[in-house]
PDB file of N, CA and C in Angstrom:
ATOM      1  N   GLU A   1     -36.613 -49.508 -19.794  1.00  0.00           N
ATOM      2  CA  GLU A   1     -38.095 -49.716 -19.613  1.00  0.00           C
ATOM      3  C   GLU A   1     -38.264 -50.934 -18.733  1.00  0.00           C
ATOM      4  N   ILE A   2     -39.061 -50.896 -17.730  1.00  0.00           N
ATOM      5  CA  ILE A   2     -39.407 -52.022 -16.848  1.00  0.00           C
ATOM      6  C   ILE A   2     -40.691 -52.544 -17.309  1.00  0.00           C
ATOM      7  N   PRO A   3     -40.758 -53.909 -17.633  1.00  0.00           N
ATOM      8  CA  PRO A   3     -41.998 -54.559 -18.052  1.00  0.00           C
ATOM      9  C   PRO A   3     -43.087 -54.363 -17.017  1.00  0.00           C
ATOM     10  N   PRO A   4     -44.349 -54.376 -17.422  1.00  0.00           N
ATOM     11  CA  PRO A   4     -45.505 -54.262 -16.475  1.00  0.00           C
ATOM     12  C   PRO A   4     -45.511 -55.416 -15.462  1.00  0.00           C
ATOM     13  N   GLY A   5     -45.741 -55.098 -14.177  1.00  0.00           N
ATOM     14  CA  GLY A   5     -45.872 -56.105 -13.287  1.00  0.00           C
ATOM     15  C   GLY A   5     -44.510 -56.498 -12.576  1.00  0.00           C
ATOM     16  N   VAL A   6     -43.463 -55.853 -13.045  1.00  0.00           N
ATOM     17  CA  VAL A   6     -42.061 -56.064 -12.513  1.00  0.00           C
ATOM     18  C   VAL A   6     -41.735 -54.912 -11.641  1.00  0.00           C
ATOM     19  N   THR A   7     -41.290 -55.091 -10.415  1.00  0.00           N
ATOM     20  CA  THR A   7     -40.851 -54.059  -9.568  1.00  0.00           C
ATOM     21  C   THR A   7     -39.355 -53.847  -9.628  1.00  0.00           C
ATOM     22  N   LYS A   8     -38.985 -52.622  -9.865  1.00  0.00           N
ATOM     23  CA  LYS A   8     -37.511 -52.336  -9.880  1.00  0.00           C
ATOM     24  C   LYS A   8     -37.009 -52.238  -8.437  1.00  0.00           C
ATOM     25  N   VAL A   9     -35.977 -52.999  -8.161  1.00  0.00           N
ATOM     26  CA  VAL A   9     -35.365 -52.907  -6.791  1.00  0.00           C
ATOM     27  C   VAL A   9     -34.140 -52.018  -6.921  1.00  0.00           C
ATOM     28  N   ASN A  10     -34.127 -50.926  -6.169  1.00  0.00           N
ATOM     29  CA  ASN A  10     -32.966 -50.038  -6.072  1.00  0.00           C
ATOM     30  C   ASN A  10     -32.001 -50.523  -5.059  1.00  0.00           C
ATOM     31  N   ILE A  11     -30.753 -50.864  -5.527  1.00  0.00           N
ATOM     32  CA  ILE A  11     -29.750 -51.321  -4.703  1.00  0.00           C
ATOM     33  C   ILE A  11     -28.863 -50.194  -4.340  1.00  0.00           C
ATOM     34  N   PRO A  12     -28.626 -49.908  -3.045  1.00  0.00           N
ATOM     35  CA  PRO A  12     -27.740 -48.861  -2.623  1.00  0.00           C
ATOM     36  C   PRO A  12     -26.328 -48.888  -3.250  1.00  0.00           C
ATOM     37  N   SER A  13     -25.785 -47.810  -3.526  1.00  0.00           N
ATOM     38  CA  SER A  13     -24.450 -47.740  -4.179  1.00  0.00           C
ATOM     39  C   SER A  13     -23.374 -48.384  -3.284  1.00  0.00           C
ATOM     40  N   VAL A  14     -23.510 -48.349  -1.959  1.00  0.00           N
ATOM     41  CA  VAL A  14     -22.485 -48.972  -1.124  1.00  0.00           C
ATOM     42  C   VAL A  14     -22.492 -50.512  -1.273  1.00  0.00           C
ATOM     43  N   LEU A  15     -23.571 -51.051  -1.759  1.00  0.00           N
ATOM     44  CA  LEU A  15     -23.581 -52.542  -1.986  1.00  0.00           C
ATOM     45  C   LEU A  15     -23.209 -52.884  -3.421  1.00  0.00           C
ATOM     46  N   LYS A  16     -23.640 -52.082  -4.424  1.00  0.00           N
ATOM     47  CA  LYS A  16     -23.332 -52.324  -5.768  1.00  0.00           C
ATOM     48  C   LYS A  16     -22.980 -50.958  -6.336  1.00  0.00           C
ATOM     49  N   PRO A  17     -21.712 -50.626  -6.328  1.00  0.00           N
ATOM     50  CA  PRO A  17     -21.277 -49.330  -6.817  1.00  0.00           C
ATOM     51  C   PRO A  17     -21.579 -49.097  -8.270  1.00  0.00           C
ATOM     52  N   PRO A  18     -22.095 -47.936  -8.580  1.00  0.00           N
ATOM     53  CA  PRO A  18     -22.520 -47.673 -10.020  1.00  0.00           C
ATOM     54  C   PRO A  18     -21.187 -47.327 -10.786  1.00  0.00           C
ATOM     55  N   THR A  19     -21.322 -47.399 -12.130  1.00  0.00           N
ATOM     56  CA  THR A  19     -20.262 -47.033 -12.984  1.00  0.00           C
ATOM     57  C   THR A  19     -20.512 -45.580 -13.396  1.00  0.00           C
ATOM     58  N   LEU A  20     -19.617 -44.682 -12.990  1.00  0.00           N
ATOM     59  CA  LEU A  20     -19.796 -43.288 -13.197  1.00  0.00           C
ATOM     60  C   LEU A  20     -18.775 -42.726 -14.195  1.00  0.00           C
ATOM     61  N   GLU A  21     -19.251 -41.787 -14.946  1.00  0.00           N
ATOM     62  CA  GLU A  21     -18.316 -41.026 -15.901  1.00  0.00           C
ATOM     63  C   GLU A  21     -17.793 -39.851 -15.109  1.00  0.00           C
ATOM     64  N   LEU A  22     -16.515 -39.806 -14.794  1.00  0.00           N
ATOM     65  CA  LEU A  22     -15.870 -38.747 -14.021  1.00  0.00           C
ATOM     66  C   LEU A  22     -15.402 -37.672 -15.047  1.00  0.00           C
ATOM     67  N   LYS A  23     -15.717 -36.475 -14.632  1.00  0.00           N
ATOM     68  CA  LYS A  23     -15.315 -35.325 -15.455  1.00  0.00           C
ATOM     69  C   LYS A  23     -13.953 -34.801 -15.010  1.00  0.00           C
ATOM     70  N   GLN A  24     -13.353 -34.018 -15.880  1.00  0.00           N
ATOM     71  CA  GLN A  24     -12.029 -33.364 -15.545  1.00  0.00           C
ATOM     72  C   GLN A  24     -12.327 -32.322 -14.441  1.00  0.00           C
ATOM     73  N   LEU A  25     -11.539 -32.287 -13.408  1.00  0.00           N
ATOM     74  CA  LEU A  25     -11.713 -31.307 -12.341  1.00  0.00           C
ATOM     75  C   LEU A  25     -10.693 -30.160 -12.377  1.00  0.00           C
ATOM     76  N   PRO A  26     -11.084 -29.033 -11.889  1.00  0.00           N
ATOM     77  CA  PRO A  26     -10.040 -27.990 -11.722  1.00  0.00           C
ATOM     78  C   PRO A  26      -8.826 -28.380 -10.923  1.00  0.00           C
ATOM     79  N   SER A  27      -7.736 -27.701 -11.110  1.00  0.00           N
ATOM     80  CA  SER A  27      -6.515 -28.243 -10.464  1.00  0.00           C
ATOM     81  C   SER A  27      -6.499 -28.177  -8.914  1.00  0.00           C
ATOM     82  N   HIS A  28      -7.479 -27.443  -8.285  1.00  0.00           N
ATOM     83  CA  HIS A  28      -7.493 -27.415  -6.816  1.00  0.00           C
ATOM     84  C   HIS A  28      -8.321 -28.489  -6.236  1.00  0.00           C
ATOM     85  N   LEU A  29      -8.930 -29.323  -7.099  1.00  0.00           N
ATOM     86  CA  LEU A  29      -9.771 -30.552  -6.648  1.00  0.00           C
ATOM     87  C   LEU A  29      -9.196 -31.811  -7.184  1.00  0.00           C
ATOM     88  N   LYS A  30      -9.511 -32.948  -6.583  1.00  0.00           N
ATOM     89  CA  LYS A  30      -9.110 -34.213  -7.053  1.00  0.00           C
ATOM     90  C   LYS A  30     -10.186 -35.233  -6.598  1.00  0.00           C
ATOM     91  N   TYR A  31     -10.196 -36.373  -7.312  1.00  0.00           N
ATOM     92  CA  TYR A  31     -11.049 -37.449  -6.921  1.00  0.00           C
ATOM     93  C   TYR A  31     -10.302 -38.336  -5.886  1.00  0.00           C
ATOM     94  N   ALA A  32     -11.056 -38.872  -4.930  1.00  0.00           N
ATOM     95  CA  ALA A  32     -10.568 -39.864  -4.072  1.00  0.00           C
ATOM     96  C   ALA A  32     -11.630 -40.961  -3.999  1.00  0.00           C
ATOM     97  N   TYR A  33     -11.374 -42.085  -3.586  1.00  0.00           N
ATOM     98  CA  TYR A  33     -12.252 -43.230  -3.648  1.00  0.00           C
ATOM     99  C   TYR A  33     -12.411 -43.882  -2.284  1.00  0.00           C
ATOM    100  N   LEU A  34     -13.693 -44.253  -1.989  1.00  0.00           N
ATOM    101  CA  LEU A  34     -13.999 -44.878  -0.685  1.00  0.00           C
ATOM    102  C   LEU A  34     -13.924 -46.374  -0.761  1.00  0.00           C
ATOM    103  N   GLU A  35     -13.797 -46.917  -1.964  1.00  0.00           N
ATOM    104  CA  GLU A  35     -13.586 -48.379  -2.136  1.00  0.00           C
ATOM    105  C   GLU A  35     -12.436 -48.648  -3.001  1.00  0.00           C
ATOM    106  N   THR A  36     -11.969 -49.932  -2.996  1.00  0.00           N
ATOM    107  CA  THR A  36     -10.914 -50.377  -3.883  1.00  0.00           C
ATOM    108  C   THR A  36     -11.440 -50.343  -5.320  1.00  0.00           C
ATOM    109  N   SER A  37     -10.558 -50.424  -6.255  1.00  0.00           N
ATOM    110  CA  SER A  37     -10.911 -50.495  -7.710  1.00  0.00           C
ATOM    111  C   SER A  37     -11.553 -49.245  -8.165  1.00  0.00           C
ATOM    112  N   GLN A  38     -11.202 -48.093  -7.543  1.00  0.00           N
ATOM    113  CA  GLN A  38     -11.705 -46.805  -7.902  1.00  0.00           C
ATOM    114  C   GLN A  38     -13.261 -46.717  -8.066  1.00  0.00           C
ATOM    115  N   GLN A  39     -13.784 -47.175  -6.879  1.00  0.00           N
ATOM    116  CA  GLN A  39     -15.278 -47.165  -6.742  1.00  0.00           C
ATOM    117  C   GLN A  39     -15.673 -46.228  -5.645  1.00  0.00           C
ATOM    118  N   LEU A  40     -16.861 -45.661  -5.736  1.00  0.00           N
ATOM    119  CA  LEU A  40     -17.407 -44.750  -4.798  1.00  0.00           C
ATOM    120  C   LEU A  40     -16.542 -43.455  -4.741  1.00  0.00           C
ATOM    121  N   PRO A  41     -16.477 -42.650  -5.822  1.00  0.00           N
ATOM    122  CA  PRO A  41     -15.614 -41.437  -5.817  1.00  0.00           C
ATOM    123  C   PRO A  41     -16.231 -40.360  -5.042  1.00  0.00           C
ATOM    124  N   VAL A  42     -15.364 -39.526  -4.422  1.00  0.00           N
ATOM    125  CA  VAL A  42     -15.699 -38.270  -3.816  1.00  0.00           C
ATOM    126  C   VAL A  42     -14.705 -37.232  -4.286  1.00  0.00           C
ATOM    127  N   ILE A  43     -15.141 -35.995  -4.294  1.00  0.00           N
ATOM    128  CA  ILE A  43     -14.237 -34.918  -4.710  1.00  0.00           C
ATOM    129  C   ILE A  43     -13.655 -34.209  -3.490  1.00  0.00           C
ATOM    130  N   ILE A  44     -12.359 -34.088  -3.373  1.00  0.00           N
ATOM    131  CA  ILE A  44     -11.725 -33.472  -2.235  1.00  0.00           C
ATOM    132  C   ILE A  44     -10.743 -32.436  -2.653  1.00  0.00           C
ATOM    133  N   SER A  45     -10.279 -31.564  -1.761  1.00  0.00           N
ATOM    134  CA  SER A  45      -9.310 -30.603  -2.106  1.00  0.00           C
ATOM    135  C   SER A  45      -7.913 -31.242  -2.408  1.00  0.00           C
ATOM    136  N   ALA A  46      -7.247 -30.718  -3.435  1.00  0.00           N
ATOM    137  CA  ALA A  46      -5.918 -31.263  -3.757  1.00  0.00           C
ATOM    138  C   ALA A  46      -4.940 -30.608  -2.839  1.00  0.00           C
ATOM    139  N   ALA A  47      -5.236 -29.616  -2.016  1.00  0.00           N
ATOM    140  CA  ALA A  47      -4.295 -28.941  -1.098  1.00  0.00           C
ATOM    141  C   ALA A  47      -4.175 -29.657   0.205  1.00  0.00           C
ATOM    142  N   LEU A  48      -4.965 -30.745   0.463  1.00  0.00           N
ATOM    143  CA  LEU A  48      -4.851 -31.390   1.787  1.00  0.00           C
ATOM    144  C   LEU A  48      -3.535 -32.187   1.820  1.00  0.00           C
ATOM    145  N   SER A  49      -2.984 -32.177   3.095  1.00  0.00           N
ATOM    146  CA  SER A  49      -1.749 -32.989   3.315  1.00  0.00           C
ATOM    147  C   SER A  49      -2.192 -34.473   3.253  1.00  0.00           C
ATOM    148  N   GLU A  50      -1.204 -35.350   3.251  1.00  0.00           N
ATOM    149  CA  GLU A  50      -1.510 -36.788   3.220  1.00  0.00           C
ATOM    150  C   GLU A  50      -2.274 -37.170   4.485  1.00  0.00           C
ATOM    151  N   GLU A  51      -1.889 -36.610   5.621  1.00  0.00           N
ATOM    152  CA  GLU A  51      -2.476 -36.935   6.862  1.00  0.00           C
ATOM    153  C   GLU A  51      -3.970 -36.468   6.890  1.00  0.00           C
ATOM    154  N   GLN A  52      -4.199 -35.248   6.375  1.00  0.00           N
ATOM    155  CA  GLN A  52      -5.532 -34.732   6.367  1.00  0.00           C
ATOM    156  C   GLN A  52      -6.398 -35.525   5.433  1.00  0.00           C
ATOM    157  N   GLU A  53      -5.844 -35.938   4.233  1.00  0.00           N
ATOM    158  CA  GLU A  53      -6.630 -36.744   3.334  1.00  0.00           C
ATOM    159  C   GLU A  53      -7.015 -38.072   3.925  1.00  0.00           C
ATOM    160  N   THR A  54      -6.011 -38.688   4.610  1.00  0.00           N
ATOM    161  CA  THR A  54      -6.317 -40.000   5.201  1.00  0.00           C
ATOM    162  C   THR A  54      -7.423 -39.901   6.296  1.00  0.00           C
ATOM    163  N   CYS A  55      -7.391 -38.805   7.134  1.00  0.00           N
ATOM    164  CA  CYS A  55      -8.377 -38.594   8.110  1.00  0.00           C
ATOM    165  C   CYS A  55      -9.771 -38.321   7.460  1.00  0.00           C
ATOM    166  N   LEU A  56      -9.794 -37.510   6.511  1.00  0.00           N
ATOM    167  CA  LEU A  56     -11.027 -37.197   5.769  1.00  0.00           C
ATOM    168  C   LEU A  56     -11.684 -38.497   5.116  1.00  0.00           C
ATOM    169  N   LEU A  57     -10.837 -39.197   4.432  1.00  0.00           N
ATOM    170  CA  LEU A  57     -11.332 -40.426   3.793  1.00  0.00           C
ATOM    171  C   LEU A  57     -11.786 -41.483   4.788  1.00  0.00           C
ATOM    172  N   SER A  58     -11.083 -41.614   5.950  1.00  0.00           N
ATOM    173  CA  SER A  58     -11.485 -42.443   7.015  1.00  0.00           C
ATOM    174  C   SER A  58     -12.872 -42.123   7.534  1.00  0.00           C
ATOM    175  N   LEU A  59     -13.109 -40.809   7.761  1.00  0.00           N
ATOM    176  CA  LEU A  59     -14.463 -40.336   8.211  1.00  0.00           C
ATOM    177  C   LEU A  59     -15.483 -40.579   7.121  1.00  0.00           C
ATOM    178  N   LEU A  60     -15.232 -40.303   5.907  1.00  0.00           N
ATOM    179  CA  LEU A  60     -16.177 -40.515   4.864  1.00  0.00           C
ATOM    180  C   LEU A  60     -16.545 -41.917   4.669  1.00  0.00           C
ATOM    181  N   LYS A  61     -15.506 -42.811   4.813  1.00  0.00           N
ATOM    182  CA  LYS A  61     -15.763 -44.231   4.655  1.00  0.00           C
ATOM    183  C   LYS A  61     -16.708 -44.768   5.805  1.00  0.00           C
ATOM    184  N   ARG A  62     -16.531 -44.231   7.019  1.00  0.00           N
ATOM    185  CA  ARG A  62     -17.431 -44.597   8.115  1.00  0.00           C
ATOM    186  C   ARG A  62     -18.851 -44.192   7.896  1.00  0.00           C
ATOM    187  N   HIS A  63     -19.050 -43.144   7.165  1.00  0.00           N
ATOM    188  CA  HIS A  63     -20.425 -42.595   6.946  1.00  0.00           C
ATOM    189  C   HIS A  63     -20.818 -42.578   5.462  1.00  0.00           C
ATOM    190  N   LYS A  64     -20.224 -43.501   4.719  1.00  0.00           N
ATOM    191  CA  LYS A  64     -20.561 -43.548   3.242  1.00  0.00           C
ATOM    192  C   LYS A  64     -21.986 -43.795   2.864  1.00  0.00           C
ATOM    193  N   LYS A  65     -22.831 -44.308   3.819  1.00  0.00           N
ATOM    194  CA  LYS A  65     -24.286 -44.572   3.579  1.00  0.00           C
ATOM    195  C   LYS A  65     -24.982 -43.171   3.526  1.00  0.00           C
ATOM    196  N   ALA A  66     -24.361 -42.150   3.970  1.00  0.00           N
ATOM    197  CA  ALA A  66     -24.975 -40.730   3.970  1.00  0.00           C
ATOM    198  C   ALA A  66     -24.740 -40.072   2.653  1.00  0.00           C
ATOM    199  N   ILE A  67     -23.865 -40.568   1.783  1.00  0.00           N
ATOM    200  CA  ILE A  67     -23.510 -40.018   0.514  1.00  0.00           C
ATOM    201  C   ILE A  67     -24.323 -40.612  -0.559  1.00  0.00           C
ATOM    202  N   ALA A  68     -24.881 -39.741  -1.455  1.00  0.00           N
ATOM    203  CA  ALA A  68     -25.682 -40.218  -2.607  1.00  0.00           C
ATOM    204  C   ALA A  68     -24.918 -40.139  -3.854  1.00  0.00           C
ATOM    205  N   TRP A  69     -24.684 -41.287  -4.511  1.00  0.00           N
ATOM    206  CA  TRP A  69     -24.003 -41.346  -5.760  1.00  0.00           C
ATOM    207  C   TRP A  69     -25.127 -41.488  -6.869  1.00  0.00           C
ATOM    208  N   GLN A  70     -26.266 -41.866  -6.557  1.00  0.00           N
ATOM    209  CA  GLN A  70     -27.421 -41.956  -7.477  1.00  0.00           C
ATOM    210  C   GLN A  70     -28.709 -41.778  -6.721  1.00  0.00           C
ATOM    211  N   MET A  71     -29.793 -41.556  -7.439  1.00  0.00           N
ATOM    212  CA  MET A  71     -31.114 -41.302  -6.805  1.00  0.00           C
ATOM    213  C   MET A  71     -31.517 -42.306  -5.754  1.00  0.00           C
ATOM    214  N   ALA A  72     -31.216 -43.577  -6.078  1.00  0.00           N
ATOM    215  CA  ALA A  72     -31.543 -44.761  -5.150  1.00  0.00           C
ATOM    216  C   ALA A  72     -30.966 -44.574  -3.749  1.00  0.00           C
ATOM    217  N   ASP A  73     -29.878 -43.818  -3.650  1.00  0.00           N
ATOM    218  CA  ASP A  73     -29.155 -43.628  -2.393  1.00  0.00           C
ATOM    219  C   ASP A  73     -29.836 -42.623  -1.442  1.00  0.00           C
ATOM    220  N   ILE A  74     -30.775 -41.841  -2.041  1.00  0.00           N
ATOM    221  CA  ILE A  74     -31.399 -40.734  -1.220  1.00  0.00           C
ATOM    222  C   ILE A  74     -32.608 -41.336  -0.579  1.00  0.00           C
ATOM    223  N   LYS A  75     -32.623 -41.571   0.700  1.00  0.00           N
ATOM    224  CA  LYS A  75     -33.668 -42.232   1.399  1.00  0.00           C
ATOM    225  C   LYS A  75     -34.877 -41.310   1.559  1.00  0.00           C
ATOM    226  N   GLY A  76     -36.029 -41.873   1.347  1.00  0.00           N
ATOM    227  CA  GLY A  76     -37.297 -41.103   1.487  1.00  0.00           C
ATOM    228  C   GLY A  76     -37.695 -40.361   0.227  1.00  0.00           C
ATOM    229  N   ILE A  77     -36.906 -40.354  -0.823  1.00  0.00           N
ATOM    230  CA  ILE A  77     -37.355 -39.712  -2.047  1.00  0.00           C
ATOM    231  C   ILE A  77     -37.491 -40.760  -3.099  1.00  0.00           C
ATOM    232  N   SER A  78     -38.634 -40.764  -3.702  1.00  0.00           N
ATOM    233  CA  SER A  78     -38.907 -41.737  -4.790  1.00  0.00           C
ATOM    234  C   SER A  78     -38.114 -41.433  -5.997  1.00  0.00           C
ATOM    235  N   PRO A  79     -37.490 -42.462  -6.616  1.00  0.00           N
ATOM    236  CA  PRO A  79     -36.677 -42.158  -7.784  1.00  0.00           C
ATOM    237  C   PRO A  79     -37.549 -41.736  -8.984  1.00  0.00           C
ATOM    238  N   ALA A  80     -38.921 -41.845  -8.842  1.00  0.00           N
ATOM    239  CA  ALA A  80     -39.866 -41.443  -9.849  1.00  0.00           C
ATOM    240  C   ALA A  80     -39.919 -39.885  -9.938  1.00  0.00           C
ATOM    241  N   ILE A  81     -39.492 -39.251  -8.912  1.00  0.00           N
ATOM    242  CA  ILE A  81     -39.581 -37.721  -8.870  1.00  0.00           C
ATOM    243  C   ILE A  81     -38.647 -37.103  -9.804  1.00  0.00           C
TER     244      ILE A  81
END
């Protein structure tokens, strides 16, 4: 609950990664992380080769601002919705 008169500032996840509860995945999927300390998780195929995984993660890291880990990351949509 935010007190009256106080504005909540939504900080993007790429600046302050949220703490997420990760669920068990099926065997054909796995978690990969875009930041150290297991922050900013993404779900990828477990069947990727090491080279494919490296290329994919490199691409995702370059464009991580386009990924939404929480409502505050979705630009143009009010978190109140």
